Amino acid sequence: MGVVEGRTWTELLSPERCWDAAATTAVGRLAVIIDGAPDIYPINYAVDDRTIVFRTGPGSKLRAVTQSQVVAFEVDAVDEPRRAGWSVVMQGRAQEITDPAELRAAGHRALDVWIPAERPVWIRITPTRVSGRSIRGRGDDPEG
């Protein structure tokens, strides 16, 4: 068991456990600032060597990343009946992948895109801060 935060009694996840958790699912949320206001978009993503990669096309997500580059990314898993789950938040910079070798490598990522639409632009989020928390569920052994 990791460090338990005394105020909320949630377990603080190490960066390594955050990355392991983020690699277990394919849908997260991208938080951006557009025209001075926050907005959040669900995205399909993949973990790529301690970065997050996703595809997008022309529109507000791409405009926001191009204008600011400062983003937050959140991914979680919730088991409501057990009242258990985890959440990982990453803050950092997002940039379009333009290097041909990186684009080829990104194109080979197993990225499960749910909505069939043209998404020619690859974006890489390079986190500067990674944090996460988990909460044990009902009936979980407190000794781990």
N, C-alpha and C. Protein backbone atom coordinates (compact mmCIF):
# COMPACT_ATOMS: atom_id res chain seq x y z
N MET A 1 0.84 -1.18 0.00
CA MET A 1 0.00 0.00 0.00
C MET A 1 0.88 1.23 0.00
N GLY A 2 0.49 2.25 -0.73
CA GLY A 2 1.23 3.50 -0.80
C GLY A 2 0.90 4.42 0.34
N VAL A 3 1.25 5.66 0.20
CA VAL A 3 1.01 6.68 1.21
C VAL A 3 -0.48 7.02 1.24
N VAL A 4 -1.04 7.05 2.45
CA VAL A 4 -2.44 7.42 2.60
C VAL A 4 -2.51 8.87 3.06
N GLU A 5 -3.27 9.67 2.33
CA GLU A 5 -3.45 11.08 2.64
C GLU A 5 -4.45 11.17 3.79
N GLY A 6 -4.02 11.72 4.92
CA GLY A 6 -4.82 11.72 6.14
C GLY A 6 -6.12 12.49 6.08
N ARG A 7 -6.18 13.55 5.30
CA ARG A 7 -7.40 14.36 5.25
C ARG A 7 -8.53 13.62 4.55
N THR A 8 -8.22 12.93 3.46
CA THR A 8 -9.27 12.28 2.68
C THR A 8 -9.24 10.76 2.78
N TRP A 9 -8.18 10.20 3.34
CA TRP A 9 -8.00 8.76 3.46
C TRP A 9 -7.97 8.07 2.11
N THR A 10 -7.45 8.78 1.13
CA THR A 10 -7.22 8.15 -0.17
C THR A 10 -5.74 7.82 -0.28
N GLU A 11 -5.43 6.81 -1.06
CA GLU A 11 -4.04 6.44 -1.27
C GLU A 11 -3.45 7.31 -2.36
N LEU A 12 -2.32 7.93 -2.08
CA LEU A 12 -1.61 8.72 -3.09
C LEU A 12 -0.78 7.76 -3.93
N LEU A 13 -0.98 7.81 -5.23
CA LEU A 13 -0.28 6.90 -6.12
C LEU A 13 1.08 7.48 -6.53
N SER A 14 2.07 6.62 -6.60
CA SER A 14 3.38 7.04 -7.10
C SER A 14 3.27 7.33 -8.59
N PRO A 15 4.19 8.11 -9.13
CA PRO A 15 4.15 8.35 -10.58
C PRO A 15 4.15 7.04 -11.38
N GLU A 16 4.92 6.06 -10.95
CA GLU A 16 4.96 4.78 -11.67
C GLU A 16 3.58 4.11 -11.68
N ARG A 17 2.91 4.09 -10.54
CA ARG A 17 1.56 3.51 -10.49
C ARG A 17 0.57 4.33 -11.30
N CYS A 18 0.76 5.66 -11.36
CA CYS A 18 -0.10 6.49 -12.20
C CYS A 18 0.03 6.08 -13.66
N TRP A 19 1.27 5.92 -14.14
CA TRP A 19 1.48 5.52 -15.52
C TRP A 19 0.92 4.13 -15.79
N ASP A 20 1.11 3.20 -14.84
CA ASP A 20 0.56 1.86 -15.00
C ASP A 20 -0.96 1.92 -15.12
N ALA A 21 -1.59 2.72 -14.28
CA ALA A 21 -3.06 2.85 -14.31
C ALA A 21 -3.51 3.48 -15.63
N ALA A 22 -2.82 4.54 -16.06
CA ALA A 22 -3.21 5.23 -17.30
C ALA A 22 -3.11 4.30 -18.51
N ALA A 23 -2.23 3.33 -18.45
CA ALA A 23 -2.05 2.41 -19.57
C ALA A 23 -3.15 1.34 -19.64
N THR A 24 -4.03 1.28 -18.64
CA THR A 24 -5.05 0.23 -18.60
C THR A 24 -6.35 0.59 -19.30
N THR A 25 -6.49 1.81 -19.73
CA THR A 25 -7.74 2.23 -20.36
C THR A 25 -7.43 3.08 -21.59
N ALA A 26 -8.43 3.36 -22.40
CA ALA A 26 -8.20 4.05 -23.66
C ALA A 26 -8.94 5.37 -23.79
N VAL A 27 -9.71 5.75 -22.77
CA VAL A 27 -10.48 7.00 -22.84
C VAL A 27 -10.11 7.87 -21.64
N GLY A 28 -9.75 9.11 -21.93
CA GLY A 28 -9.45 10.07 -20.89
C GLY A 28 -10.09 11.40 -21.24
N ARG A 29 -9.76 12.42 -20.46
CA ARG A 29 -10.32 13.74 -20.69
C ARG A 29 -9.17 14.75 -20.81
N LEU A 30 -9.26 15.55 -21.86
CA LEU A 30 -8.29 16.60 -22.11
C LEU A 30 -8.89 17.92 -21.67
N ALA A 31 -8.21 18.63 -20.77
CA ALA A 31 -8.67 19.94 -20.30
C ALA A 31 -7.78 21.00 -20.95
N VAL A 32 -8.44 21.98 -21.57
CA VAL A 32 -7.74 23.05 -22.30
C VAL A 32 -8.39 24.38 -21.97
N ILE A 33 -7.71 25.44 -22.37
CA ILE A 33 -8.28 26.78 -22.28
C ILE A 33 -8.54 27.25 -23.71
N ILE A 34 -9.79 27.62 -23.99
CA ILE A 34 -10.16 28.12 -25.31
C ILE A 34 -10.76 29.51 -25.13
N ASP A 35 -10.14 30.48 -25.76
CA ASP A 35 -10.60 31.87 -25.67
C ASP A 35 -10.81 32.30 -24.22
N GLY A 36 -9.87 31.91 -23.36
CA GLY A 36 -9.87 32.32 -21.97
C GLY A 36 -10.78 31.53 -21.05
N ALA A 37 -11.45 30.50 -21.56
CA ALA A 37 -12.36 29.71 -20.73
C ALA A 37 -11.95 28.23 -20.77
N PRO A 38 -12.11 27.53 -19.64
CA PRO A 38 -11.74 26.11 -19.63
C PRO A 38 -12.78 25.26 -20.37
N ASP A 39 -12.29 24.19 -20.97
CA ASP A 39 -13.17 23.22 -21.62
C ASP A 39 -12.53 21.85 -21.48
N ILE A 40 -13.36 20.82 -21.56
CA ILE A 40 -12.89 19.44 -21.38
C ILE A 40 -13.47 18.59 -22.49
N TYR A 41 -12.61 17.73 -23.07
CA TYR A 41 -13.00 16.86 -24.17
C TYR A 41 -12.62 15.42 -23.86
N PRO A 42 -13.51 14.49 -24.11
CA PRO A 42 -13.10 13.08 -24.02
C PRO A 42 -12.22 12.76 -25.22
N ILE A 43 -11.17 11.98 -24.99
CA ILE A 43 -10.29 11.58 -26.09
C ILE A 43 -9.91 10.12 -25.94
N ASN A 44 -9.68 9.48 -27.07
CA ASN A 44 -9.03 8.18 -27.09
C ASN A 44 -7.53 8.47 -27.12
N TYR A 45 -6.77 7.72 -26.34
CA TYR A 45 -5.34 8.01 -26.20
C TYR A 45 -4.55 6.72 -26.04
N ALA A 46 -3.25 6.86 -26.09
CA ALA A 46 -2.33 5.77 -25.77
C ALA A 46 -1.18 6.35 -24.96
N VAL A 47 -0.63 5.52 -24.08
CA VAL A 47 0.58 5.89 -23.34
C VAL A 47 1.77 5.52 -24.22
N ASP A 48 2.68 6.47 -24.38
CA ASP A 48 3.85 6.26 -25.23
C ASP A 48 5.08 6.81 -24.51
N ASP A 49 5.83 5.92 -23.87
CA ASP A 49 7.09 6.30 -23.22
C ASP A 49 6.94 7.52 -22.32
N ARG A 50 6.06 7.42 -21.37
CA ARG A 50 5.79 8.46 -20.36
C ARG A 50 5.25 9.75 -20.97
N THR A 51 4.54 9.61 -22.09
CA THR A 51 3.78 10.70 -22.66
C THR A 51 2.42 10.14 -23.06
N ILE A 52 1.50 11.03 -23.36
CA ILE A 52 0.17 10.65 -23.84
C ILE A 52 0.08 11.10 -25.30
N VAL A 53 -0.38 10.21 -26.17
CA VAL A 53 -0.57 10.59 -27.57
C VAL A 53 -2.03 10.37 -27.95
N PHE A 54 -2.51 11.26 -28.81
CA PHE A 54 -3.87 11.12 -29.34
C PHE A 54 -3.94 11.78 -30.70
N ARG A 55 -5.01 11.46 -31.42
CA ARG A 55 -5.22 12.03 -32.75
C ARG A 55 -6.40 12.99 -32.69
N THR A 56 -6.32 14.01 -33.54
CA THR A 56 -7.42 14.96 -33.65
C THR A 56 -7.43 15.55 -35.06
N GLY A 57 -8.42 16.35 -35.31
CA GLY A 57 -8.53 17.03 -36.59
C GLY A 57 -8.80 18.50 -36.36
N PRO A 58 -9.06 19.23 -37.42
CA PRO A 58 -9.36 20.65 -37.27
C PRO A 58 -10.56 20.85 -36.34
N GLY A 59 -10.46 21.85 -35.48
CA GLY A 59 -11.55 22.15 -34.56
C GLY A 59 -11.02 22.76 -33.28
N SER A 60 -11.86 22.79 -32.27
CA SER A 60 -11.53 23.52 -31.05
C SER A 60 -10.41 22.88 -30.24
N LYS A 61 -10.32 21.54 -30.21
CA LYS A 61 -9.20 20.92 -29.48
C LYS A 61 -7.87 21.32 -30.08
N LEU A 62 -7.76 21.19 -31.38
CA LEU A 62 -6.51 21.52 -32.05
C LEU A 62 -6.20 23.01 -31.90
N ARG A 63 -7.21 23.85 -32.01
CA ARG A 63 -7.01 25.29 -31.84
C ARG A 63 -6.52 25.60 -30.43
N ALA A 64 -7.10 24.95 -29.43
CA ALA A 64 -6.70 25.19 -28.04
C ALA A 64 -5.26 24.76 -27.81
N VAL A 65 -4.89 23.60 -28.31
CA VAL A 65 -3.52 23.11 -28.14
C VAL A 65 -2.54 24.01 -28.86
N THR A 66 -2.91 24.48 -30.02
CA THR A 66 -2.05 25.37 -30.80
C THR A 66 -1.89 26.73 -30.11
N GLN A 67 -2.98 27.25 -29.54
CA GLN A 67 -2.94 28.58 -28.90
C GLN A 67 -2.16 28.57 -27.60
N SER A 68 -2.39 27.56 -26.75
CA SER A 68 -1.84 27.61 -25.40
C SER A 68 -0.78 26.56 -25.13
N GLN A 69 -0.97 25.37 -25.57
CA GLN A 69 -0.12 24.20 -25.32
C GLN A 69 -0.20 23.71 -23.88
N VAL A 70 -0.63 24.52 -22.92
CA VAL A 70 -0.74 24.09 -21.53
C VAL A 70 -2.06 23.36 -21.36
N VAL A 71 -1.97 22.10 -20.92
CA VAL A 71 -3.16 21.26 -20.81
C VAL A 71 -3.12 20.46 -19.52
N ALA A 72 -4.25 19.87 -19.22
CA ALA A 72 -4.33 18.84 -18.19
C ALA A 72 -5.02 17.64 -18.83
N PHE A 73 -4.66 16.46 -18.34
CA PHE A 73 -5.23 15.23 -18.84
C PHE A 73 -5.64 14.41 -17.62
N GLU A 74 -6.84 13.84 -17.68
CA GLU A 74 -7.33 13.06 -16.54
C GLU A 74 -7.89 11.75 -17.05
N VAL A 75 -7.60 10.69 -16.32
CA VAL A 75 -8.13 9.37 -16.62
C VAL A 75 -8.47 8.70 -15.30
N ASP A 76 -9.53 7.89 -15.32
CA ASP A 76 -9.92 7.24 -14.07
C ASP A 76 -10.65 5.94 -14.34
N ALA A 77 -10.90 5.23 -13.28
CA ALA A 77 -11.73 4.03 -13.31
C ALA A 77 -12.54 4.04 -12.03
N VAL A 78 -13.83 3.72 -12.14
CA VAL A 78 -14.72 3.77 -10.98
C VAL A 78 -15.50 2.47 -10.90
N ASP A 79 -15.58 1.92 -9.70
CA ASP A 79 -16.42 0.76 -9.42
C ASP A 79 -17.47 1.25 -8.43
N GLU A 80 -18.60 1.74 -8.95
CA GLU A 80 -19.61 2.36 -8.09
C GLU A 80 -20.17 1.43 -7.03
N PRO A 81 -20.52 0.17 -7.35
CA PRO A 81 -21.07 -0.70 -6.30
C PRO A 81 -20.13 -0.89 -5.11
N ARG A 82 -18.81 -0.94 -5.39
CA ARG A 82 -17.84 -1.11 -4.30
C ARG A 82 -17.38 0.23 -3.73
N ARG A 83 -17.76 1.33 -4.37
CA ARG A 83 -17.28 2.65 -3.99
C ARG A 83 -15.75 2.69 -3.99
N ALA A 84 -15.19 2.22 -5.10
CA ALA A 84 -13.74 2.14 -5.25
C ALA A 84 -13.36 2.77 -6.58
N GLY A 85 -12.10 3.09 -6.70
CA GLY A 85 -11.63 3.60 -7.97
C GLY A 85 -10.31 4.32 -7.85
N TRP A 86 -9.89 4.86 -8.95
CA TRP A 86 -8.65 5.63 -8.98
C TRP A 86 -8.79 6.76 -10.00
N SER A 87 -7.95 7.76 -9.84
CA SER A 87 -7.92 8.90 -10.75
C SER A 87 -6.49 9.36 -10.90
N VAL A 88 -6.09 9.63 -12.13
CA VAL A 88 -4.76 10.14 -12.43
C VAL A 88 -4.92 11.46 -13.18
N VAL A 89 -4.17 12.47 -12.77
CA VAL A 89 -4.17 13.77 -13.43
C VAL A 89 -2.74 14.10 -13.85
N MET A 90 -2.61 14.53 -15.09
CA MET A 90 -1.31 14.94 -15.62
C MET A 90 -1.44 16.37 -16.13
N GLN A 91 -0.48 17.18 -15.79
CA GLN A 91 -0.43 18.55 -16.28
C GLN A 91 0.85 18.71 -17.09
N GLY A 92 0.75 19.42 -18.20
CA GLY A 92 1.95 19.60 -19.00
C GLY A 92 1.68 20.37 -20.27
N ARG A 93 2.50 20.04 -21.28
CA ARG A 93 2.42 20.74 -22.55
C ARG A 93 2.02 19.75 -23.64
N ALA A 94 1.18 20.24 -24.53
CA ALA A 94 0.75 19.43 -25.67
C ALA A 94 1.31 20.07 -26.94
N GLN A 95 1.83 19.23 -27.82
CA GLN A 95 2.37 19.74 -29.07
C GLN A 95 2.05 18.77 -30.19
N GLU A 96 1.85 19.34 -31.37
CA GLU A 96 1.64 18.50 -32.54
C GLU A 96 2.92 17.74 -32.85
N ILE A 97 2.78 16.47 -33.18
CA ILE A 97 3.92 15.67 -33.61
C ILE A 97 4.13 15.94 -35.10
N THR A 98 5.30 16.47 -35.43
CA THR A 98 5.60 16.81 -36.83
C THR A 98 6.81 16.06 -37.36
N ASP A 99 7.67 15.55 -36.50
CA ASP A 99 8.85 14.83 -36.93
C ASP A 99 8.43 13.54 -37.65
N PRO A 100 8.90 13.32 -38.88
CA PRO A 100 8.46 12.15 -39.65
C PRO A 100 8.69 10.81 -38.94
N ALA A 101 9.81 10.66 -38.26
CA ALA A 101 10.07 9.40 -37.55
C ALA A 101 9.09 9.22 -36.39
N GLU A 102 8.82 10.30 -35.67
CA GLU A 102 7.85 10.22 -34.57
C GLU A 102 6.45 9.94 -35.09
N LEU A 103 6.10 10.53 -36.23
CA LEU A 103 4.78 10.27 -36.83
C LEU A 103 4.64 8.81 -37.24
N ARG A 104 5.71 8.25 -37.82
CA ARG A 104 5.66 6.83 -38.19
C ARG A 104 5.48 5.96 -36.95
N ALA A 105 6.23 6.27 -35.89
CA ALA A 105 6.11 5.50 -34.64
C ALA A 105 4.73 5.67 -34.04
N ALA A 106 4.21 6.88 -34.04
CA ALA A 106 2.87 7.12 -33.49
C ALA A 106 1.83 6.36 -34.28
N GLY A 107 2.01 6.30 -35.60
CA GLY A 107 1.06 5.59 -36.44
C GLY A 107 0.98 4.11 -36.16
N HIS A 108 2.00 3.57 -35.50
CA HIS A 108 2.00 2.15 -35.15
C HIS A 108 1.46 1.90 -33.74
N ARG A 109 1.08 2.97 -33.03
CA ARG A 109 0.51 2.81 -31.68
C ARG A 109 -0.86 2.17 -31.79
N ALA A 110 -1.17 1.36 -30.81
CA ALA A 110 -2.50 0.74 -30.76
C ALA A 110 -3.47 1.76 -30.16
N LEU A 111 -3.99 2.62 -30.99
CA LEU A 111 -4.89 3.68 -30.55
C LEU A 111 -6.29 3.33 -31.01
N ASP A 112 -7.15 2.99 -30.07
CA ASP A 112 -8.51 2.57 -30.35
C ASP A 112 -9.41 3.79 -30.43
N VAL A 113 -9.64 4.29 -31.64
CA VAL A 113 -10.48 5.47 -31.84
C VAL A 113 -11.93 5.04 -31.94
N TRP A 114 -12.80 5.59 -31.11
CA TRP A 114 -14.20 5.18 -31.03
C TRP A 114 -15.08 5.80 -32.10
N ILE A 115 -14.77 7.03 -32.48
CA ILE A 115 -15.61 7.73 -33.46
C ILE A 115 -14.87 7.75 -34.80
N PRO A 116 -15.45 7.15 -35.82
CA PRO A 116 -14.77 7.13 -37.12
C PRO A 116 -14.87 8.51 -37.80
N ALA A 117 -13.80 9.22 -37.72
CA ALA A 117 -13.73 10.55 -38.34
C ALA A 117 -12.27 10.79 -38.73
N GLU A 118 -12.09 11.70 -39.63
CA GLU A 118 -10.74 12.05 -40.08
C GLU A 118 -10.00 12.77 -38.96
N ARG A 119 -8.90 12.18 -38.52
CA ARG A 119 -8.07 12.76 -37.46
C ARG A 119 -6.61 12.68 -37.89
N PRO A 120 -6.20 13.58 -38.76
CA PRO A 120 -4.85 13.47 -39.33
C PRO A 120 -3.73 14.00 -38.44
N VAL A 121 -4.07 14.69 -37.35
CA VAL A 121 -3.06 15.34 -36.52
C VAL A 121 -2.80 14.52 -35.25
N TRP A 122 -1.53 14.21 -35.03
CA TRP A 122 -1.13 13.53 -33.80
C TRP A 122 -0.63 14.58 -32.81
N ILE A 123 -1.07 14.45 -31.56
CA ILE A 123 -0.66 15.35 -30.48
C ILE A 123 0.02 14.53 -29.40
N ARG A 124 1.08 15.09 -28.84
CA ARG A 124 1.78 14.46 -27.72
C ARG A 124 1.69 15.37 -26.50
N ILE A 125 1.22 14.83 -25.39
CA ILE A 125 1.22 15.55 -24.11
C ILE A 125 2.44 15.07 -23.33
N THR A 126 3.29 16.02 -22.98
CA THR A 126 4.46 15.72 -22.17
C THR A 126 4.22 16.29 -20.77
N PRO A 127 3.89 15.42 -19.82
CA PRO A 127 3.55 15.92 -18.48
C PRO A 127 4.75 16.48 -17.73
N THR A 128 4.49 17.53 -16.99
CA THR A 128 5.47 18.08 -16.07
C THR A 128 5.09 17.73 -14.63
N ARG A 129 3.85 17.28 -14.46
CA ARG A 129 3.35 16.87 -13.14
C ARG A 129 2.39 15.70 -13.34
N VAL A 130 2.58 14.65 -12.55
CA VAL A 130 1.73 13.47 -12.60
C VAL A 130 1.33 13.15 -11.17
N SER A 131 0.02 13.04 -10.93
CA SER A 131 -0.44 12.70 -9.59
C SER A 131 -1.65 11.78 -9.71
N GLY A 132 -1.88 11.02 -8.67
CA GLY A 132 -3.02 10.12 -8.69
C GLY A 132 -3.43 9.71 -7.29
N ARG A 133 -4.66 9.25 -7.21
CA ARG A 133 -5.23 8.81 -5.94
C ARG A 133 -6.08 7.58 -6.21
N SER A 134 -6.18 6.74 -5.20
CA SER A 134 -7.13 5.62 -5.29
C SER A 134 -7.86 5.53 -3.97
N ILE A 135 -9.04 4.97 -4.05
CA ILE A 135 -9.83 4.74 -2.85
C ILE A 135 -10.24 3.28 -2.85
N ARG A 136 -10.05 2.65 -1.70
CA ARG A 136 -10.40 1.24 -1.55
C ARG A 136 -11.90 1.09 -1.52
N GLY A 137 -12.34 -0.05 -1.95
CA GLY A 137 -13.77 -0.31 -1.97
C GLY A 137 -14.28 -1.02 -0.73
N ARG A 138 -15.56 -1.15 -0.69
CA ARG A 138 -16.20 -1.90 0.38
C ARG A 138 -15.71 -3.32 0.37
N GLY A 139 -15.37 -3.82 1.55
CA GLY A 139 -14.94 -5.19 1.68
C GLY A 139 -13.49 -5.43 1.35
N ASP A 140 -12.75 -4.41 0.93
CA ASP A 140 -11.33 -4.59 0.64
C ASP A 140 -10.59 -4.76 1.95
N ASP A 141 -9.58 -5.62 1.93
CA ASP A 141 -8.75 -5.86 3.09
C ASP A 141 -7.90 -4.62 3.36
N PRO A 142 -8.04 -3.97 4.54
CA PRO A 142 -7.27 -2.76 4.81
C PRO A 142 -5.77 -3.00 4.87
N GLU A 143 -5.35 -4.24 5.00
CA GLU A 143 -3.91 -4.53 5.05
C GLU A 143 -3.32 -4.73 3.66
N GLY A 144 -4.19 -4.62 2.61
CA GLY A 144 -3.71 -4.66 1.23
C GLY A 144 -3.45 -6.02 0.74
